[in-house]
Amino acid sequence: MILNRNQVIKETQQLRKKGFSHRQIADKLNISLGSAFAFTKNINISWEQHLKLKRNTGIFTCSPKEKASWSSRGSNNWLSHIKYHQNDLLQKIIEFYQNNNRIPTKREFANLWQAYRRVFGSWNNAIIAAGLSPNPEMFAKKFIANDGHKCDSLAEKIIDDWFKARHIPHLRSQYYSGQKQFSVDFLVKDQYWIEFLGLKGELKSYDQLYVRKLELAKKNNIHIIEIYPRDLFPQNHLSEKLEFLLK
């Protein structure tokens, strides 16, 4: 059933009155977070609903008006909430470790990262508080994929292992034609050039190097397939991104 604008606004307001966060409303009704805020700007939830959202989701969005209305609340209620929420966050890390036999990366908990930073100060502090040691592999210069390939990051190892699990022929760090300075992360089936762009848009030097790679690719009539962190974390979407390799 497709809702018209008035129906969407009405449903948005009803969900807000029930104590849904703006982000939950946006996800549920498939609207933007900004629309969720705009449609409910005159509706405030109670302090109790606010705490319930914090405990259940670890994430929360509120209007400046709501935030101002809670500023006079005593610290005792807030501290008791933090203690409860801390245990819930630690349990999520422990459950991930038990199910995957490894410590999760920060990106895999991206939707809860602000909560972890607020409660523990840093991701490593949260890992230690959960009774685990920060994975030494996370700080190694190289990661060894299941087929023995050396990878420069955990993300590249995940990609390499995805190829291996599906018996897709692939090579690591193959130089672009005619030079020995720039290499592609993966050359798949001897025809697909795949780059993992983990820091694109974050480091100027990284972006400049990638521009030079693009120039080499264009010169050699190569089409680069780009993979980003969002394709891997918090959920792995490689089977959708690289679906053409499975045919």
C-alpha atoms as a PDB file:
ATOM      1  CA  MET A   1       0.000   0.000   0.000  1.00  0.00           C
ATOM      2  CA  ILE A   2       1.439   3.377  -1.050  1.00  0.00           C
ATOM      3  CA  LEU A   3       0.652   6.244   1.317  1.00  0.00           C
ATOM      4  CA  ASN A   4       0.120   9.795   0.102  1.00  0.00           C
ATOM      5  CA  ARG A   5       1.866  12.729   1.790  1.00  0.00           C
ATOM      6  CA  ASN A   6      -0.934  13.448   4.285  1.00  0.00           C
ATOM      7  CA  GLN A   7      -1.114   9.786   5.269  1.00  0.00           C
ATOM      8  CA  VAL A   8       2.655   9.665   5.722  1.00  0.00           C
ATOM      9  CA  ILE A   9       2.573  12.766   7.933  1.00  0.00           C
ATOM     10  CA  LYS A  10      -0.253  11.311  10.010  1.00  0.00           C
ATOM     11  CA  GLU A  11       1.517   7.963  10.401  1.00  0.00           C
ATOM     12  CA  THR A  12       4.777   9.745  11.280  1.00  0.00           C
ATOM     13  CA  GLN A  13       3.094  11.725  14.030  1.00  0.00           C
ATOM     14  CA  GLN A  14       1.357   8.655  15.439  1.00  0.00           C
ATOM     15  CA  LEU A  15       4.645   6.750  15.612  1.00  0.00           C
ATOM     16  CA  ARG A  16       6.320   9.691  17.345  1.00  0.00           C
ATOM     17  CA  LYS A  17       3.587   9.869  19.954  1.00  0.00           C
ATOM     18  CA  LYS A  18       4.149   6.166  20.615  1.00  0.00           C
ATOM     19  CA  GLY A  19       7.789   6.904  21.414  1.00  0.00           C
ATOM     20  CA  PHE A  20       9.531   5.975  18.150  1.00  0.00           C
ATOM     21  CA  SER A  21      12.790   7.774  17.396  1.00  0.00           C
ATOM     22  CA  HIS A  22      13.046   9.915  14.279  1.00  0.00           C
ATOM     23  CA  ARG A  23      15.474   7.405  12.779  1.00  0.00           C
ATOM     24  CA  GLN A  24      13.116   4.498  13.479  1.00  0.00           C
ATOM     25  CA  ILE A  25      10.273   6.416  11.855  1.00  0.00           C
ATOM     26  CA  ALA A  26      12.393   7.227   8.802  1.00  0.00           C
ATOM     27  CA  ASP A  27      13.356   3.570   8.378  1.00  0.00           C
ATOM     28  CA  LYS A  28       9.839   2.280   8.966  1.00  0.00           C
ATOM     29  CA  LEU A  29       8.133   4.641   6.521  1.00  0.00           C
ATOM     30  CA  ASN A  30      11.034   4.851   4.048  1.00  0.00           C
ATOM     31  CA  ILE A  31      11.368   8.617   4.359  1.00  0.00           C
ATOM     32  CA  SER A  32      14.372  10.833   5.070  1.00  0.00           C
ATOM     33  CA  LEU A  33      15.469  11.640   8.605  1.00  0.00           C
ATOM     34  CA  GLY A  34      14.883  15.312   7.839  1.00  0.00           C
ATOM     35  CA  SER A  35      11.275  14.581   6.883  1.00  0.00           C
ATOM     36  CA  ALA A  36      10.769  12.623  10.093  1.00  0.00           C
ATOM     37  CA  PHE A  37      11.941  15.683  12.057  1.00  0.00           C
ATOM     38  CA  ALA A  38       9.832  18.102  10.000  1.00  0.00           C
ATOM     39  CA  PHE A  39       6.615  16.097  10.233  1.00  0.00           C
ATOM     40  CA  THR A  40       6.892  15.768  14.033  1.00  0.00           C
ATOM     41  CA  LYS A  41       8.356  19.165  14.954  1.00  0.00           C
ATOM     42  CA  ASN A  42       5.396  20.000  17.228  1.00  0.00           C
ATOM     43  CA  ILE A  43       5.317  16.619  18.944  1.00  0.00           C
ATOM     44  CA  ASN A  44       7.461  15.932  21.992  1.00  0.00           C
ATOM     45  CA  ILE A  45       8.038  12.554  23.611  1.00  0.00           C
ATOM     46  CA  SER A  46       8.349  12.085  27.338  1.00  0.00           C
ATOM     47  CA  TRP A  47      11.582  11.630  29.285  1.00  0.00           C
ATOM     48  CA  GLU A  48      10.549   8.045  30.004  1.00  0.00           C
ATOM     49  CA  GLN A  49      10.100   7.349  26.279  1.00  0.00           C
ATOM     50  CA  HIS A  50      13.482   8.947  25.668  1.00  0.00           C
ATOM     51  CA  LEU A  51      15.193   6.599  28.141  1.00  0.00           C
ATOM     52  CA  LYS A  52      13.419   3.586  26.687  1.00  0.00           C
ATOM     53  CA  LEU A  53      14.743   4.450  23.233  1.00  0.00           C
ATOM     54  CA  LYS A  54      18.240   4.800  24.633  1.00  0.00           C
ATOM     55  CA  ARG A  55      18.076   1.402  26.299  1.00  0.00           C
ATOM     56  CA  ASN A  56      16.548  -0.417  23.328  1.00  0.00           C
ATOM     57  CA  THR A  57      18.460   1.048  20.397  1.00  0.00           C
ATOM     58  CA  GLY A  58      21.559   2.784  21.677  1.00  0.00           C
ATOM     59  CA  ILE A  59      20.848   5.591  19.193  1.00  0.00           C
ATOM     60  CA  PHE A  60      18.477   8.493  19.497  1.00  0.00           C
ATOM     61  CA  THR A  61      17.562  11.673  17.662  1.00  0.00           C
ATOM     62  CA  CYS A  62      15.616  14.483  19.246  1.00  0.00           C
ATOM     63  CA  SER A  63      14.598  18.037  18.525  1.00  0.00           C
ATOM     64  CA  PRO A  64      16.351  20.986  20.235  1.00  0.00           C
ATOM     65  CA  LYS A  65      13.062  21.691  22.029  1.00  0.00           C
ATOM     66  CA  GLU A  66      12.941  18.177  23.491  1.00  0.00           C
ATOM     67  CA  LYS A  67      16.597  18.304  24.486  1.00  0.00           C
ATOM     68  CA  ALA A  68      16.071  21.631  26.253  1.00  0.00           C
ATOM     69  CA  SER A  69      13.058  20.271  28.137  1.00  0.00           C
ATOM     70  CA  TRP A  70      15.205  17.480  29.630  1.00  0.00           C
ATOM     71  CA  SER A  71      18.145  19.653  30.710  1.00  0.00           C
ATOM     72  CA  SER A  72      16.710  20.136  34.184  1.00  0.00           C
ATOM     73  CA  ARG A  73      16.456  16.411  34.863  1.00  0.00           C
ATOM     74  CA  GLY A  74      18.456  15.146  37.818  1.00  0.00           C
ATOM     75  CA  SER A  75      21.696  13.254  37.186  1.00  0.00           C
ATOM     76  CA  ASN A  76      20.723  10.217  39.242  1.00  0.00           C
ATOM     77  CA  ASN A  77      18.209   8.918  36.699  1.00  0.00           C
ATOM     78  CA  TRP A  78      20.694   9.529  33.900  1.00  0.00           C
ATOM     79  CA  LEU A  79      23.530   7.685  35.646  1.00  0.00           C
ATOM     80  CA  SER A  80      21.376   4.653  36.387  1.00  0.00           C
ATOM     81  CA  HIS A  81      20.396   4.596  32.709  1.00  0.00           C
ATOM     82  CA  ILE A  82      24.050   4.752  31.630  1.00  0.00           C
ATOM     83  CA  LYS A  83      24.940   1.790  33.834  1.00  0.00           C
ATOM     84  CA  TYR A  84      22.164  -0.325  32.343  1.00  0.00           C
ATOM     85  CA  HIS A  85      22.972   0.758  28.807  1.00  0.00           C
ATOM     86  CA  GLN A  86      26.675  -0.022  29.266  1.00  0.00           C
ATOM     87  CA  ASN A  87      25.920  -3.663  30.056  1.00  0.00           C
ATOM     88  CA  ASP A  88      23.681  -3.909  27.000  1.00  0.00           C
ATOM     89  CA  LEU A  89      26.417  -2.535  24.740  1.00  0.00           C
ATOM     90  CA  LEU A  90      28.992  -4.953  26.124  1.00  0.00           C
ATOM     91  CA  GLN A  91      26.648  -7.877  25.568  1.00  0.00           C
ATOM     92  CA  LYS A  92      26.366  -6.966  21.879  1.00  0.00           C
ATOM     93  CA  ILE A  93      30.157  -7.195  21.500  1.00  0.00           C
ATOM     94  CA  ILE A  94      30.304 -10.518  23.346  1.00  0.00           C
ATOM     95  CA  GLU A  95      27.503 -12.002  21.223  1.00  0.00           C
ATOM     96  CA  PHE A  96      29.250 -10.925  18.015  1.00  0.00           C
ATOM     97  CA  TYR A  97      32.487 -12.514  19.207  1.00  0.00           C
ATOM     98  CA  GLN A  98      30.745 -15.768  20.069  1.00  0.00           C
ATOM     99  CA  ASN A  99      28.915 -15.917  16.725  1.00  0.00           C
ATOM    100  CA  ASN A 100      31.834 -14.910  14.482  1.00  0.00           C
ATOM    101  CA  ASN A 101      34.895 -16.058  16.440  1.00  0.00           C
ATOM    102  CA  ARG A 102      36.505 -12.630  16.095  1.00  0.00           C
ATOM    103  CA  ILE A 103      36.238  -9.154  17.535  1.00  0.00           C
ATOM    104  CA  PRO A 104      33.941  -6.833  15.551  1.00  0.00           C
ATOM    105  CA  THR A 105      35.276  -3.771  13.784  1.00  0.00           C
ATOM    106  CA  LYS A 106      34.009  -0.327  14.675  1.00  0.00           C
ATOM    107  CA  ARG A 107      32.361  -0.020  11.269  1.00  0.00           C
ATOM    108  CA  GLU A 108      30.349  -3.189  11.863  1.00  0.00           C
ATOM    109  CA  PHE A 109      28.771  -1.371  14.833  1.00  0.00           C
ATOM    110  CA  ALA A 110      28.439   1.928  12.984  1.00  0.00           C
ATOM    111  CA  ASN A 111      24.797   2.430  14.010  1.00  0.00           C
ATOM    112  CA  LEU A 112      25.833   2.199  17.670  1.00  0.00           C
ATOM    113  CA  TRP A 113      29.208   3.920  17.476  1.00  0.00           C
ATOM    114  CA  GLN A 114      28.057   7.172  19.087  1.00  0.00           C
ATOM    115  CA  ALA A 115      26.682   5.212  22.038  1.00  0.00           C
ATOM    116  CA  TYR A 116      29.964   3.314  22.495  1.00  0.00           C
ATOM    117  CA  ARG A 117      31.994   6.509  22.312  1.00  0.00           C
ATOM    118  CA  ARG A 118      29.722   8.249  24.793  1.00  0.00           C
ATOM    119  CA  VAL A 119      29.798   5.416  27.318  1.00  0.00           C
ATOM    120  CA  PHE A 120      33.360   4.071  26.954  1.00  0.00           C
ATOM    121  CA  GLY A 121      35.308   6.904  25.349  1.00  0.00           C
ATOM    122  CA  SER A 122      36.680   4.779  22.502  1.00  0.00           C
ATOM    123  CA  TRP A 123      36.071   1.533  20.637  1.00  0.00           C
ATOM    124  CA  ASN A 124      39.141  -0.163  22.132  1.00  0.00           C
ATOM    125  CA  ASN A 125      37.968   0.752  25.621  1.00  0.00           C
ATOM    126  CA  ALA A 126      34.667  -0.977  24.885  1.00  0.00           C
ATOM    127  CA  ILE A 127      36.473  -4.101  23.622  1.00  0.00           C
ATOM    128  CA  ILE A 128      38.561  -4.243  26.797  1.00  0.00           C
ATOM    129  CA  ALA A 129      35.498  -3.646  28.987  1.00  0.00           C
ATOM    130  CA  ALA A 130      33.853  -6.644  27.296  1.00  0.00           C
ATOM    131  CA  GLY A 131      36.686  -8.811  28.615  1.00  0.00           C
ATOM    132  CA  LEU A 132      38.465  -9.103  25.267  1.00  0.00           C
ATOM    133  CA  SER A 133      41.834  -7.875  24.041  1.00  0.00           C
ATOM    134  CA  PRO A 134      41.956  -5.550  21.044  1.00  0.00           C
ATOM    135  CA  ASN A 135      42.632  -7.877  18.145  1.00  0.00           C
ATOM    136  CA  PRO A 136      46.372  -7.672  17.366  1.00  0.00           C
ATOM    137  CA  GLU A 137      45.538  -8.512  13.760  1.00  0.00           C
ATOM    138  CA  MET A 138      43.672  -5.226  13.499  1.00  0.00           C
ATOM    139  CA  PHE A 139      46.953  -3.363  13.948  1.00  0.00           C
ATOM    140  CA  ALA A 140      49.111  -5.578  11.747  1.00  0.00           C
ATOM    141  CA  LYS A 141      50.508  -4.205   8.513  1.00  0.00           C
ATOM    142  CA  LYS A 142      49.305  -7.223   6.580  1.00  0.00           C
ATOM    143  CA  PHE A 143      46.325  -9.540   6.714  1.00  0.00           C
ATOM    144  CA  ILE A 144      46.537 -13.045   5.314  1.00  0.00           C
ATOM    145  CA  ALA A 145      43.510 -14.151   3.311  1.00  0.00           C
ATOM    146  CA  ASN A 146      42.289 -17.743   3.331  1.00  0.00           C
ATOM    147  CA  ASP A 147      44.068 -18.438   0.048  1.00  0.00           C
ATOM    148  CA  GLY A 148      47.383 -17.064   1.333  1.00  0.00           C
ATOM    149  CA  HIS A 149      47.158 -13.665  -0.350  1.00  0.00           C
ATOM    150  CA  LYS A 150      48.614 -10.765   1.641  1.00  0.00           C
ATOM    151  CA  CYS A 151      46.118  -7.945   2.095  1.00  0.00           C
ATOM    152  CA  ASP A 152      46.673  -4.417   3.364  1.00  0.00           C
ATOM    153  CA  SER A 153      43.541  -4.266   5.495  1.00  0.00           C
ATOM    154  CA  LEU A 154      40.819  -6.372   7.057  1.00  0.00           C
ATOM    155  CA  ALA A 155      38.442  -5.060   4.388  1.00  0.00           C
ATOM    156  CA  GLU A 156      40.677  -6.347   1.581  1.00  0.00           C
ATOM    157  CA  LYS A 157      40.903  -9.702   3.342  1.00  0.00           C
ATOM    158  CA  ILE A 158      37.113  -9.885   3.467  1.00  0.00           C
ATOM    159  CA  ILE A 159      36.949  -9.186  -0.276  1.00  0.00           C
ATOM    160  CA  ASP A 160      39.676 -11.727  -1.062  1.00  0.00           C
ATOM    161  CA  ASP A 161      37.972 -14.383   1.076  1.00  0.00           C
ATOM    162  CA  TRP A 162      34.701 -13.667  -0.750  1.00  0.00           C
ATOM    163  CA  PHE A 163      36.395 -14.498  -4.059  1.00  0.00           C
ATOM    164  CA  LYS A 164      38.007 -17.612  -2.594  1.00  0.00           C
ATOM    165  CA  ALA A 165      34.738 -18.944  -1.132  1.00  0.00           C
ATOM    166  CA  ARG A 166      33.093 -18.687  -4.562  1.00  0.00           C
ATOM    167  CA  HIS A 167      36.053 -20.101  -6.524  1.00  0.00           C
ATOM    168  CA  ILE A 168      36.480 -16.874  -8.469  1.00  0.00           C
ATOM    169  CA  PRO A 169      39.987 -16.540  -9.981  1.00  0.00           C
ATOM    170  CA  HIS A 170      41.691 -13.405  -8.695  1.00  0.00           C
ATOM    171  CA  LEU A 171      45.126 -11.841  -8.330  1.00  0.00           C
ATOM    172  CA  ARG A 172      46.367  -9.321  -5.774  1.00  0.00           C
ATOM    173  CA  SER A 173      48.245  -6.073  -6.358  1.00  0.00           C
ATOM    174  CA  GLN A 174      48.730  -6.263 -10.105  1.00  0.00           C
ATOM    175  CA  TYR A 175      50.552  -3.315 -11.672  1.00  0.00           C
ATOM    176  CA  TYR A 176      48.858  -1.091 -14.182  1.00  0.00           C
ATOM    177  CA  SER A 177      50.264  -1.558 -17.674  1.00  0.00           C
ATOM    178  CA  GLY A 178      53.654  -0.043 -18.464  1.00  0.00           C
ATOM    179  CA  GLN A 179      54.782   0.943 -14.952  1.00  0.00           C
ATOM    180  CA  LYS A 180      55.795  -0.445 -11.557  1.00  0.00           C
ATOM    181  CA  GLN A 181      54.420   2.226  -9.238  1.00  0.00           C
ATOM    182  CA  PHE A 182      50.654   1.822  -9.124  1.00  0.00           C
ATOM    183  CA  SER A 183      48.842  -1.459  -8.675  1.00  0.00           C
ATOM    184  CA  VAL A 184      45.195  -2.448  -8.553  1.00  0.00           C
ATOM    185  CA  ASP A 185      43.906  -4.205  -5.433  1.00  0.00           C
ATOM    186  CA  PHE A 186      42.314  -7.102  -7.316  1.00  0.00           C
ATOM    187  CA  LEU A 187      42.442  -8.345 -10.888  1.00  0.00           C
ATOM    188  CA  VAL A 188      39.546 -10.780 -11.237  1.00  0.00           C
ATOM    189  CA  LYS A 189      39.172 -13.330 -14.033  1.00  0.00           C
ATOM    190  CA  ASP A 190      41.982 -11.477 -15.844  1.00  0.00           C
ATOM    191  CA  GLN A 191      39.575  -8.732 -16.910  1.00  0.00           C
ATOM    192  CA  TYR A 192      37.920  -6.990 -13.960  1.00  0.00           C
ATOM    193  CA  TRP A 193      40.001  -4.330 -12.164  1.00  0.00           C
ATOM    194  CA  ILE A 194      38.702  -3.815  -8.640  1.00  0.00           C
ATOM    195  CA  GLU A 195      39.825  -1.179  -6.149  1.00  0.00           C
ATOM    196  CA  PHE A 196      38.851  -0.939  -2.485  1.00  0.00           C
ATOM    197  CA  LEU A 197      38.611   2.769  -1.614  1.00  0.00           C
ATOM    198  CA  GLY A 198      38.781   2.715   2.164  1.00  0.00           C
ATOM    199  CA  LEU A 199      39.972   6.304   2.609  1.00  0.00           C
ATOM    200  CA  LYS A 200      38.496   8.084  -0.384  1.00  0.00           C
ATOM    201  CA  GLY A 201      37.317  11.549   0.628  1.00  0.00           C
ATOM    202  CA  GLU A 202      39.185  11.380   3.935  1.00  0.00           C
ATOM    203  CA  LEU A 203      42.834  11.938   2.940  1.00  0.00           C
ATOM    204  CA  LYS A 204      43.897  14.426   0.288  1.00  0.00           C
ATOM    205  CA  SER A 205      47.041  12.441  -0.607  1.00  0.00           C
ATOM    206  CA  TYR A 206      44.980   9.262  -0.969  1.00  0.00           C
ATOM    207  CA  ASP A 207      42.567  10.985  -3.341  1.00  0.00           C
ATOM    208  CA  GLN A 208      45.441  12.412  -5.386  1.00  0.00           C
ATOM    209  CA  LEU A 209      46.994   8.967  -5.827  1.00  0.00           C
ATOM    210  CA  TYR A 210      43.658   7.541  -6.891  1.00  0.00           C
ATOM    211  CA  VAL A 211      43.254  10.269  -9.512  1.00  0.00           C
ATOM    212  CA  ARG A 212      46.573   9.132 -11.006  1.00  0.00           C
ATOM    213  CA  LYS A 213      45.311   5.545 -11.012  1.00  0.00           C
ATOM    214  CA  LEU A 214      42.196   6.673 -12.857  1.00  0.00           C
ATOM    215  CA  GLU A 215      44.361   8.422 -15.431  1.00  0.00           C
ATOM    216  CA  LEU A 216      46.342   5.215 -15.982  1.00  0.00           C
ATOM    217  CA  ALA A 217      43.133   3.211 -16.241  1.00  0.00           C
ATOM    218  CA  LYS A 218      41.703   5.596 -18.831  1.00  0.00           C
ATOM    219  CA  LYS A 219      44.936   5.516 -20.814  1.00  0.00           C
ATOM    220  CA  ASN A 220      44.810   1.715 -20.908  1.00  0.00           C
ATOM    221  CA  ASN A 221      41.048   1.536 -21.554  1.00  0.00           C
ATOM    222  CA  ILE A 222      40.433  -0.083 -18.157  1.00  0.00           C
ATOM    223  CA  HIS A 223      37.138   0.255 -16.286  1.00  0.00           C
ATOM    224  CA  ILE A 224      37.691   0.260 -12.532  1.00  0.00           C
ATOM    225  CA  ILE A 225      35.083  -1.298 -10.256  1.00  0.00           C
ATOM    226  CA  GLU A 226      35.048   0.585  -6.947  1.00  0.00           C
ATOM    227  CA  ILE A 227      34.261  -0.995  -3.576  1.00  0.00           C
ATOM    228  CA  TYR A 228      33.679   1.210  -0.542  1.00  0.00           C
ATOM    229  CA  PRO A 229      33.513   0.514   3.223  1.00  0.00           C
ATOM    230  CA  ARG A 230      29.721   0.851   3.034  1.00  0.00           C
ATOM    231  CA  ASP A 231      29.724  -2.228   0.768  1.00  0.00           C
ATOM    232  CA  LEU A 232      31.256  -4.253   3.617  1.00  0.00           C
ATOM    233  CA  PHE A 233      30.204  -2.630   6.893  1.00  0.00           C
ATOM    234  CA  PRO A 234      28.080  -2.911   8.923  1.00  0.00           C
ATOM    235  CA  GLN A 235      26.724  -5.603   6.548  1.00  0.00           C
ATOM    236  CA  ASN A 236      28.493  -7.332   3.677  1.00  0.00           C
ATOM    237  CA  HIS A 237      26.880  -6.468   0.325  1.00  0.00           C
ATOM    238  CA  LEU A 238      29.523  -7.938  -1.978  1.00  0.00           C
ATOM    239  CA  SER A 239      27.104 -10.497  -3.424  1.00  0.00           C
ATOM    240  CA  GLU A 240      24.961  -7.576  -4.615  1.00  0.00           C
ATOM    241  CA  LYS A 241      27.853  -5.317  -5.640  1.00  0.00           C
ATOM    242  CA  LEU A 242      29.678  -8.069  -7.581  1.00  0.00           C
ATOM    243  CA  GLU A 243      26.662 -10.061  -8.685  1.00  0.00           C
ATOM    244  CA  PHE A 244      27.928 -10.111 -12.281  1.00  0.00           C
ATOM    245  CA  LEU A 245      30.864 -12.299 -11.190  1.00  0.00           C
ATOM    246  CA  LEU A 246      28.513 -15.018 -10.004  1.00  0.00           C
ATOM    247  CA  LYS A 247      26.901 -15.605 -13.371  1.00  0.00           C
END
